[in-house]
Amino acid sequence: AMRGLNAELKEQIEAGGADHLQIDPDTSINMHTW
């Protein structure tokens, strides 16, 4: 699932979305997190 979040974020960025994906109120990932 963590690997999948990385792929999901990549698709989000390519679609013009935000460059972070929020996991909980104080934890998020960027394209380098994985």
All heavy atoms as atom14 arrays in JSON, in Angstrom:
{
  "sequence": "AMRGLNAELKEQIEAGGADHLQIDPDTSINMHTW",
  "atom14_mask": [
    [1, 1, 1, 1, 1, 0, 0, 0, 0, 0, 0, 0, 0, 0],
    [1, 1, 1, 1, 1, 1, 1, 1, 0, 0, 0, 0, 0, 0],
    [1, 1, 1, 1, 1, 1, 1, 1, 1, 1, 1, 0, 0, 0],
    [1, 1, 1, 1, 0, 0, 0, 0, 0, 0, 0, 0, 0, 0],
    [1, 1, 1, 1, 1, 1, 1, 1, 0, 0, 0, 0, 0, 0],
    [1, 1, 1, 1, 1, 1, 1, 1, 0, 0, 0, 0, 0, 0],
    [1, 1, 1, 1, 1, 0, 0, 0, 0, 0, 0, 0, 0, 0],
    [1, 1, 1, 1, 1, 1, 1, 1, 1, 0, 0, 0, 0, 0],
    [1, 1, 1, 1, 1, 1, 1, 1, 0, 0, 0, 0, 0, 0],
    [1, 1, 1, 1, 1, 1, 1, 1, 1, 0, 0, 0, 0, 0],
    [1, 1, 1, 1, 1, 1, 1, 1, 1, 0, 0, 0, 0, 0],
    [1, 1, 1, 1, 1, 1, 1, 1, 1, 0, 0, 0, 0, 0],
    [1, 1, 1, 1, 1, 1, 1, 1, 0, 0, 0, 0, 0, 0],
    [1, 1, 1, 1, 1, 1, 1, 1, 1, 0, 0, 0, 0, 0],
    [1, 1, 1, 1, 1, 0, 0, 0, 0, 0, 0, 0, 0, 0],
    [1, 1, 1, 1, 0, 0, 0, 0, 0, 0, 0, 0, 0, 0],
    [1, 1, 1, 1, 0, 0, 0, 0, 0, 0, 0, 0, 0, 0],
    [1, 1, 1, 1, 1, 0, 0, 0, 0, 0, 0, 0, 0, 0],
    [1, 1, 1, 1, 1, 1, 1, 1, 0, 0, 0, 0, 0, 0],
    [1, 1, 1, 1, 1, 1, 1, 1, 1, 1, 0, 0, 0, 0],
    [1, 1, 1, 1, 1, 1, 1, 1, 0, 0, 0, 0, 0, 0],
    [1, 1, 1, 1, 1, 1, 1, 1, 1, 0, 0, 0, 0, 0],
    [1, 1, 1, 1, 1, 1, 1, 1, 0, 0, 0, 0, 0, 0],
    [1, 1, 1, 1, 1, 1, 1, 1, 0, 0, 0, 0, 0, 0],
    [1, 1, 1, 1, 1, 1, 1, 0, 0, 0, 0, 0, 0, 0],
    [1, 1, 1, 1, 1, 1, 1, 1, 0, 0, 0, 0, 0, 0],
    [1, 1, 1, 1, 1, 1, 1, 0, 0, 0, 0, 0, 0, 0],
    [1, 1, 1, 1, 1, 1, 0, 0, 0, 0, 0, 0, 0, 0],
    [1, 1, 1, 1, 1, 1, 1, 1, 0, 0, 0, 0, 0, 0],
    [1, 1, 1, 1, 1, 1, 1, 1, 0, 0, 0, 0, 0, 0],
    [1, 1, 1, 1, 1, 1, 1, 1, 0, 0, 0, 0, 0, 0],
    [1, 1, 1, 1, 1, 1, 1, 1, 1, 1, 0, 0, 0, 0],
    [1, 1, 1, 1, 1, 1, 1, 0, 0, 0, 0, 0, 0, 0],
    [1, 1, 1, 1, 1, 1, 1, 1, 1, 1, 1, 1, 1, 1]
  ],
  "atom14_positions": [
    [[0.82, -1.21, 0.0], [0.0, 0.0, 0.0], [0.85, 1.26, 0.0], [0.52, 2.25, -0.67], [-0.93, -0.01, 1.21], [0.0, 0.0, 0.0], [0.0, 0.0, 0.0], [0.0, 0.0, 0.0], [0.0, 0.0, 0.0], [0.0, 0.0, 0.0], [0.0, 0.0, 0.0], [0.0, 0.0, 0.0], [0.0, 0.0, 0.0], [0.0, 0.0, 0.0]],
    [[1.96, 1.24, 0.73], [2.86, 2.39, 0.72], [3.44, 2.61, -0.68], [3.52, 3.74, -1.15], [3.99, 2.2, 1.74], [3.58, 2.38, 3.19], [2.88, 4.02, 3.53], [4.19, 5.07, 2.94], [0.0, 0.0, 0.0], [0.0, 0.0, 0.0], [0.0, 0.0, 0.0], [0.0, 0.0, 0.0], [0.0, 0.0, 0.0], [0.0, 0.0, 0.0]],
    [[3.83, 1.54, -1.33], [4.33, 1.66, -2.7], [3.21, 2.21, -3.61], [3.44, 3.04, -4.48], [4.81, 0.31, -3.22], [5.49, 0.4, -4.58], [5.6, -0.97, -5.22], [6.41, -1.9, -4.47], [7.72, -2.05, -4.64], [8.35, -1.34, -5.55], [8.38, -2.93, -3.92], [0.0, 0.0, 0.0], [0.0, 0.0, 0.0], [0.0, 0.0, 0.0]],
    [[1.99, 1.74, -3.38], [0.86, 2.21, -4.17], [0.57, 3.69, -3.97], [0.18, 4.38, -4.92], [0.0, 0.0, 0.0], [0.0, 0.0, 0.0], [0.0, 0.0, 0.0], [0.0, 0.0, 0.0], [0.0, 0.0, 0.0], [0.0, 0.0, 0.0], [0.0, 0.0, 0.0], [0.0, 0.0, 0.0], [0.0, 0.0, 0.0], [0.0, 0.0, 0.0]],
    [[0.76, 4.2, -2.77], [0.57, 5.63, -2.53], [1.53, 6.46, -3.35], [1.2, 7.54, -3.84], [0.73, 5.93, -1.04], [-0.4, 5.51, -0.11], [-0.03, 5.78, 1.34], [-1.7, 6.25, -0.47], [0.0, 0.0, 0.0], [0.0, 0.0, 0.0], [0.0, 0.0, 0.0], [0.0, 0.0, 0.0], [0.0, 0.0, 0.0], [0.0, 0.0, 0.0]],
    [[2.75, 5.94, -3.49], [3.74, 6.64, -4.31], [3.26, 6.74, -5.76], [3.36, 7.8, -6.4], [5.08, 5.9, -4.24], [6.2, 6.63, -4.94], [6.67, 7.66, -4.47], [6.65, 6.09, -6.06], [0.0, 0.0, 0.0], [0.0, 0.0, 0.0], [0.0, 0.0, 0.0], [0.0, 0.0, 0.0], [0.0, 0.0, 0.0], [0.0, 0.0, 0.0]],
    [[2.71, 5.64, -6.29], [2.18, 5.64, -7.65], [0.96, 6.56, -7.77], [0.8, 7.28, -8.76], [1.82, 4.23, -8.06], [0.0, 0.0, 0.0], [0.0, 0.0, 0.0], [0.0, 0.0, 0.0], [0.0, 0.0, 0.0], [0.0, 0.0, 0.0], [0.0, 0.0, 0.0], [0.0, 0.0, 0.0], [0.0, 0.0, 0.0], [0.0, 0.0, 0.0]],
    [[0.12, 6.55, -6.75], [-1.06, 7.43, -6.75], [-0.66, 8.89, -6.76], [-1.26, 9.71, -7.49], [-1.91, 7.12, -5.52], [-3.17, 7.96, -5.4], [-3.95, 7.66, -4.15], [-3.78, 6.56, -3.58], [-4.74, 8.54, -3.71], [0.0, 0.0, 0.0], [0.0, 0.0, 0.0], [0.0, 0.0, 0.0], [0.0, 0.0, 0.0], [0.0, 0.0, 0.0]],
    [[0.35, 9.24, -5.97], [0.82, 10.63, -5.94], [1.39, 11.03, -7.3], [1.14, 12.15, -7.77], [1.87, 10.81, -4.85], [2.51, 12.19, -4.75], [1.46, 13.27, -4.51], [3.56, 12.22, -3.64], [0.0, 0.0, 0.0], [0.0, 0.0, 0.0], [0.0, 0.0, 0.0], [0.0, 0.0, 0.0], [0.0, 0.0, 0.0], [0.0, 0.0, 0.0]],
    [[2.12, 10.14, -7.94], [2.67, 10.45, -9.25], [1.56, 10.77, -10.24], [1.64, 11.75, -11.0], [3.5, 9.27, -9.76], [4.18, 9.53, -11.1], [5.03, 8.33, -11.53], [5.7, 8.61, -12.88], [6.51, 7.45, -13.31], [0.0, 0.0, 0.0], [0.0, 0.0, 0.0], [0.0, 0.0, 0.0], [0.0, 0.0, 0.0], [0.0, 0.0, 0.0]],
    [[0.49, 9.98, -10.23], [-0.65, 10.24, -11.11], [-1.31, 11.57, -10.76], [-1.73, 12.32, -11.66], [-1.66, 9.1, -10.99], [-1.17, 7.77, -11.54], [-2.17, 6.66, -11.33], [-3.26, 6.93, -10.76], [-1.88, 5.51, -11.71], [0.0, 0.0, 0.0], [0.0, 0.0, 0.0], [0.0, 0.0, 0.0], [0.0, 0.0, 0.0], [0.0, 0.0, 0.0]],
    [[-1.4, 11.86, -9.48], [-2.0, 13.12, -9.04], [-1.21, 14.31, -9.55], [-1.79, 15.3, -10.04], [-2.06, 13.13, -7.51], [-2.55, 14.42, -6.88], [-2.64, 14.31, -5.37], [-3.44, 13.54, -4.84], [-1.81, 15.07, -4.66], [0.0, 0.0, 0.0], [0.0, 0.0, 0.0], [0.0, 0.0, 0.0], [0.0, 0.0, 0.0], [0.0, 0.0, 0.0]],
    [[0.11, 14.23, -9.46], [0.97, 15.33, -9.93], [0.87, 15.48, -11.44], [0.76, 16.6, -11.96], [2.43, 15.09, -9.48], [2.54, 15.18, -7.95], [3.37, 16.1, -10.15], [3.88, 14.73, -7.41], [0.0, 0.0, 0.0], [0.0, 0.0, 0.0], [0.0, 0.0, 0.0], [0.0, 0.0, 0.0], [0.0, 0.0, 0.0], [0.0, 0.0, 0.0]],
    [[0.89, 14.36, -12.15], [0.79, 14.41, -13.62], [-0.53, 15.0, -14.08], [-0.61, 15.58, -15.17], [0.98, 13.01, -14.19], [2.41, 12.5, -14.07], [2.57, 11.05, -14.5], [1.52, 10.38, -14.7], [3.72, 10.59, -14.63], [0.0, 0.0, 0.0], [0.0, 0.0, 0.0], [0.0, 0.0, 0.0], [0.0, 0.0, 0.0], [0.0, 0.0, 0.0]],
    [[-1.56, 14.87, -13.26], [-2.87, 15.44, -13.6], [-3.0, 16.89, -13.16], [-4.09, 17.48, -13.3], [-3.97, 14.6, -12.95], [0.0, 0.0, 0.0], [0.0, 0.0, 0.0], [0.0, 0.0, 0.0], [0.0, 0.0, 0.0], [0.0, 0.0, 0.0], [0.0, 0.0, 0.0], [0.0, 0.0, 0.0], [0.0, 0.0, 0.0], [0.0, 0.0, 0.0]],
    [[-1.92, 17.45, -12.64], [-1.92, 18.85, -12.22], [-2.34, 19.07, -10.79], [-2.61, 20.21, -10.38], [0.0, 0.0, 0.0], [0.0, 0.0, 0.0], [0.0, 0.0, 0.0], [0.0, 0.0, 0.0], [0.0, 0.0, 0.0], [0.0, 0.0, 0.0], [0.0, 0.0, 0.0], [0.0, 0.0, 0.0], [0.0, 0.0, 0.0], [0.0, 0.0, 0.0]],
    [[-2.36, 18.0, -10.0], [-2.76, 18.12, -8.61], [-1.62, 18.49, -7.69], [-0.5, 18.8, -8.12], [0.0, 0.0, 0.0], [0.0, 0.0, 0.0], [0.0, 0.0, 0.0], [0.0, 0.0, 0.0], [0.0, 0.0, 0.0], [0.0, 0.0, 0.0], [0.0, 0.0, 0.0], [0.0, 0.0, 0.0], [0.0, 0.0, 0.0], [0.0, 0.0, 0.0]],
    [[-1.89, 18.41, -6.39], [-0.91, 18.78, -5.37], [0.26, 17.81, -5.37], [0.14, 16.66, -5.79], [-1.58, 18.77, -4.0], [0.0, 0.0, 0.0], [0.0, 0.0, 0.0], [0.0, 0.0, 0.0], [0.0, 0.0, 0.0], [0.0, 0.0, 0.0], [0.0, 0.0, 0.0], [0.0, 0.0, 0.0], [0.0, 0.0, 0.0], [0.0, 0.0, 0.0]],
    [[1.43, 18.32, -4.93], [2.64, 17.5, -4.93], [2.85, 16.76, -3.61], [3.93, 16.21, -3.36], [3.87, 18.33, -5.27], [4.1, 19.49, -4.32], [3.32, 19.64, -3.35], [5.06, 20.25, -4.55], [0.0, 0.0, 0.0], [0.0, 0.0, 0.0], [0.0, 0.0, 0.0], [0.0, 0.0, 0.0], [0.0, 0.0, 0.0], [0.0, 0.0, 0.0]],
    [[1.83, 16.73, -2.76], [1.86, 15.95, -1.53], [0.57, 15.15, -1.42], [-0.47, 15.55, -1.94], [1.98, 16.85, -0.29], [3.32, 17.47, -0.12], [3.75, 18.53, -0.88], [4.36, 17.17, 0.72], [4.98, 18.86, -0.52], [5.37, 18.06, 0.45], [0.0, 0.0, 0.0], [0.0, 0.0, 0.0], [0.0, 0.0, 0.0], [0.0, 0.0, 0.0]],
    [[0.64, 14.03, -0.73], [-0.52, 13.21, -0.45], [-0.62, 13.03, 1.05], [0.31, 12.51, 1.69], [-0.38, 11.85, -1.15], [-1.63, 10.97, -1.26], [-2.69, 11.65, -2.12], [-1.25, 9.63, -1.89], [0.0, 0.0, 0.0], [0.0, 0.0, 0.0], [0.0, 0.0, 0.0], [0.0, 0.0, 0.0], [0.0, 0.0, 0.0], [0.0, 0.0, 0.0]],
    [[-1.73, 13.49, 1.64], [-1.88, 13.48, 3.09], [-2.3, 12.1, 3.57], [-3.22, 11.49, 3.02], [-2.93, 14.51, 3.51], [-2.78, 15.01, 4.93], [-1.58, 15.93, 5.12], [-1.16, 16.63, 4.21], [-1.02, 15.93, 6.33], [0.0, 0.0, 0.0], [0.0, 0.0, 0.0], [0.0, 0.0, 0.0], [0.0, 0.0, 0.0], [0.0, 0.0, 0.0]],
    [[-1.61, 11.6, 4.6], [-1.93, 10.29, 5.18], [-2.7, 10.46, 6.49], [-3.66, 9.75, 6.76], [-0.65, 9.47, 5.39], [-0.05, 9.11, 4.03], [-0.92, 8.22, 6.21], [1.25, 8.36, 4.1], [0.0, 0.0, 0.0], [0.0, 0.0, 0.0], [0.0, 0.0, 0.0], [0.0, 0.0, 0.0], [0.0, 0.0, 0.0], [0.0, 0.0, 0.0]],
    [[-2.27, 11.39, 7.3], [-3.02, 11.76, 8.5], [-2.76, 13.25, 8.72], [-2.05, 13.87, 7.94], [-2.64, 10.87, 9.7], [-1.21, 11.06, 10.2], [-0.65, 12.16, 10.05], [-0.65, 10.11, 10.76], [0.0, 0.0, 0.0], [0.0, 0.0, 0.0], [0.0, 0.0, 0.0], [0.0, 0.0, 0.0], [0.0, 0.0, 0.0], [0.0, 0.0, 0.0]],
    [[-3.36, 13.86, 9.74], [-3.24, 15.32, 9.87], [-1.81, 15.85, 9.92], [-1.58, 17.01, 9.56], [-3.99, 15.61, 11.18], [-5.03, 14.54, 11.25], [-4.35, 13.31, 10.71], [0.0, 0.0, 0.0], [0.0, 0.0, 0.0], [0.0, 0.0, 0.0], [0.0, 0.0, 0.0], [0.0, 0.0, 0.0], [0.0, 0.0, 0.0], [0.0, 0.0, 0.0]],
    [[-0.83, 15.05, 10.37], [0.54, 15.56, 10.46], [1.55, 14.74, 9.65], [2.75, 14.94, 9.8], [0.99, 15.66, 11.92], [0.9, 14.33, 12.67], [0.84, 13.27, 12.03], [0.89, 14.38, 13.91], [0.0, 0.0, 0.0], [0.0, 0.0, 0.0], [0.0, 0.0, 0.0], [0.0, 0.0, 0.0], [0.0, 0.0, 0.0], [0.0, 0.0, 0.0]],
    [[1.07, 13.84, 8.8], [1.97, 12.97, 8.04], [1.53, 12.93, 6.58], [0.37, 12.65, 6.29], [1.95, 11.54, 8.61], [2.18, 11.59, 10.02], [3.01, 10.67, 7.95], [0.0, 0.0, 0.0], [0.0, 0.0, 0.0], [0.0, 0.0, 0.0], [0.0, 0.0, 0.0], [0.0, 0.0, 0.0], [0.0, 0.0, 0.0], [0.0, 0.0, 0.0]],
    [[2.47, 13.23, 5.69], [2.17, 13.18, 4.25], [3.41, 12.7, 3.5], [4.5, 12.62, 4.07], [1.73, 14.56, 3.74], [2.79, 15.5, 3.87], [0.0, 0.0, 0.0], [0.0, 0.0, 0.0], [0.0, 0.0, 0.0], [0.0, 0.0, 0.0], [0.0, 0.0, 0.0], [0.0, 0.0, 0.0], [0.0, 0.0, 0.0], [0.0, 0.0, 0.0]],
    [[3.23, 12.41, 2.23], [4.34, 11.96, 1.4], [4.51, 12.9, 0.22], [3.57, 13.56, -0.23], [4.14, 10.52, 0.88], [2.95, 10.43, -0.08], [3.98, 9.55, 2.04], [2.83, 9.11, -0.81], [0.0, 0.0, 0.0], [0.0, 0.0, 0.0], [0.0, 0.0, 0.0], [0.0, 0.0, 0.0], [0.0, 0.0, 0.0], [0.0, 0.0, 0.0]],
    [[5.75, 12.98, -0.28], [6.0, 13.6, -1.58], [6.61, 12.52, -2.48], [6.66, 11.35, -2.13], [6.88, 14.85, -1.45], [8.34, 14.52, -1.1], [8.7, 13.38, -0.84], [9.17, 15.54, -1.08], [0.0, 0.0, 0.0], [0.0, 0.0, 0.0], [0.0, 0.0, 0.0], [0.0, 0.0, 0.0], [0.0, 0.0, 0.0], [0.0, 0.0, 0.0]],
    [[7.06, 12.92, -3.66], [7.54, 11.93, -4.62], [8.83, 11.23, -4.19], [9.23, 10.23, -4.78], [7.76, 12.59, -5.99], [6.49, 12.73, -6.82], [5.59, 11.16, -7.04], [6.82, 10.14, -7.84], [0.0, 0.0, 0.0], [0.0, 0.0, 0.0], [0.0, 0.0, 0.0], [0.0, 0.0, 0.0], [0.0, 0.0, 0.0], [0.0, 0.0, 0.0]],
    [[9.48, 11.74, -3.16], [10.74, 11.15, -2.7], [10.58, 10.3, -1.44], [11.55, 9.69, -0.99], [11.76, 12.26, -2.45], [12.01, 13.12, -3.64], [12.76, 12.71, -4.72], [11.6, 14.39, -3.93], [12.81, 13.68, -5.63], [12.12, 14.7, -5.18], [0.0, 0.0, 0.0], [0.0, 0.0, 0.0], [0.0, 0.0, 0.0], [0.0, 0.0, 0.0]],
    [[9.38, 10.28, -0.87], [9.2, 9.63, 0.43], [9.47, 8.12, 0.36], [10.14, 7.57, 1.24], [7.78, 9.89, 0.96], [7.59, 11.3, 1.09], [7.56, 9.21, 2.3], [0.0, 0.0, 0.0], [0.0, 0.0, 0.0], [0.0, 0.0, 0.0], [0.0, 0.0, 0.0], [0.0, 0.0, 0.0], [0.0, 0.0, 0.0], [0.0, 0.0, 0.0]],
    [[8.95, 7.45, -0.66], [9.14, 6.0, -0.77], [10.63, 5.67, -0.81], [11.1, 4.79, -0.06], [8.42, 5.49, -2.01], [8.72, 4.07, -2.37], [9.51, 3.64, -3.4], [8.25, 2.87, -1.72], [9.56, 2.25, -3.43], [8.8, 1.76, -2.41], [7.43, 2.65, -0.62], [8.54, 0.44, -2.04], [7.18, 1.33, -0.23], [7.73, 0.25, -0.94]]
  ]
}
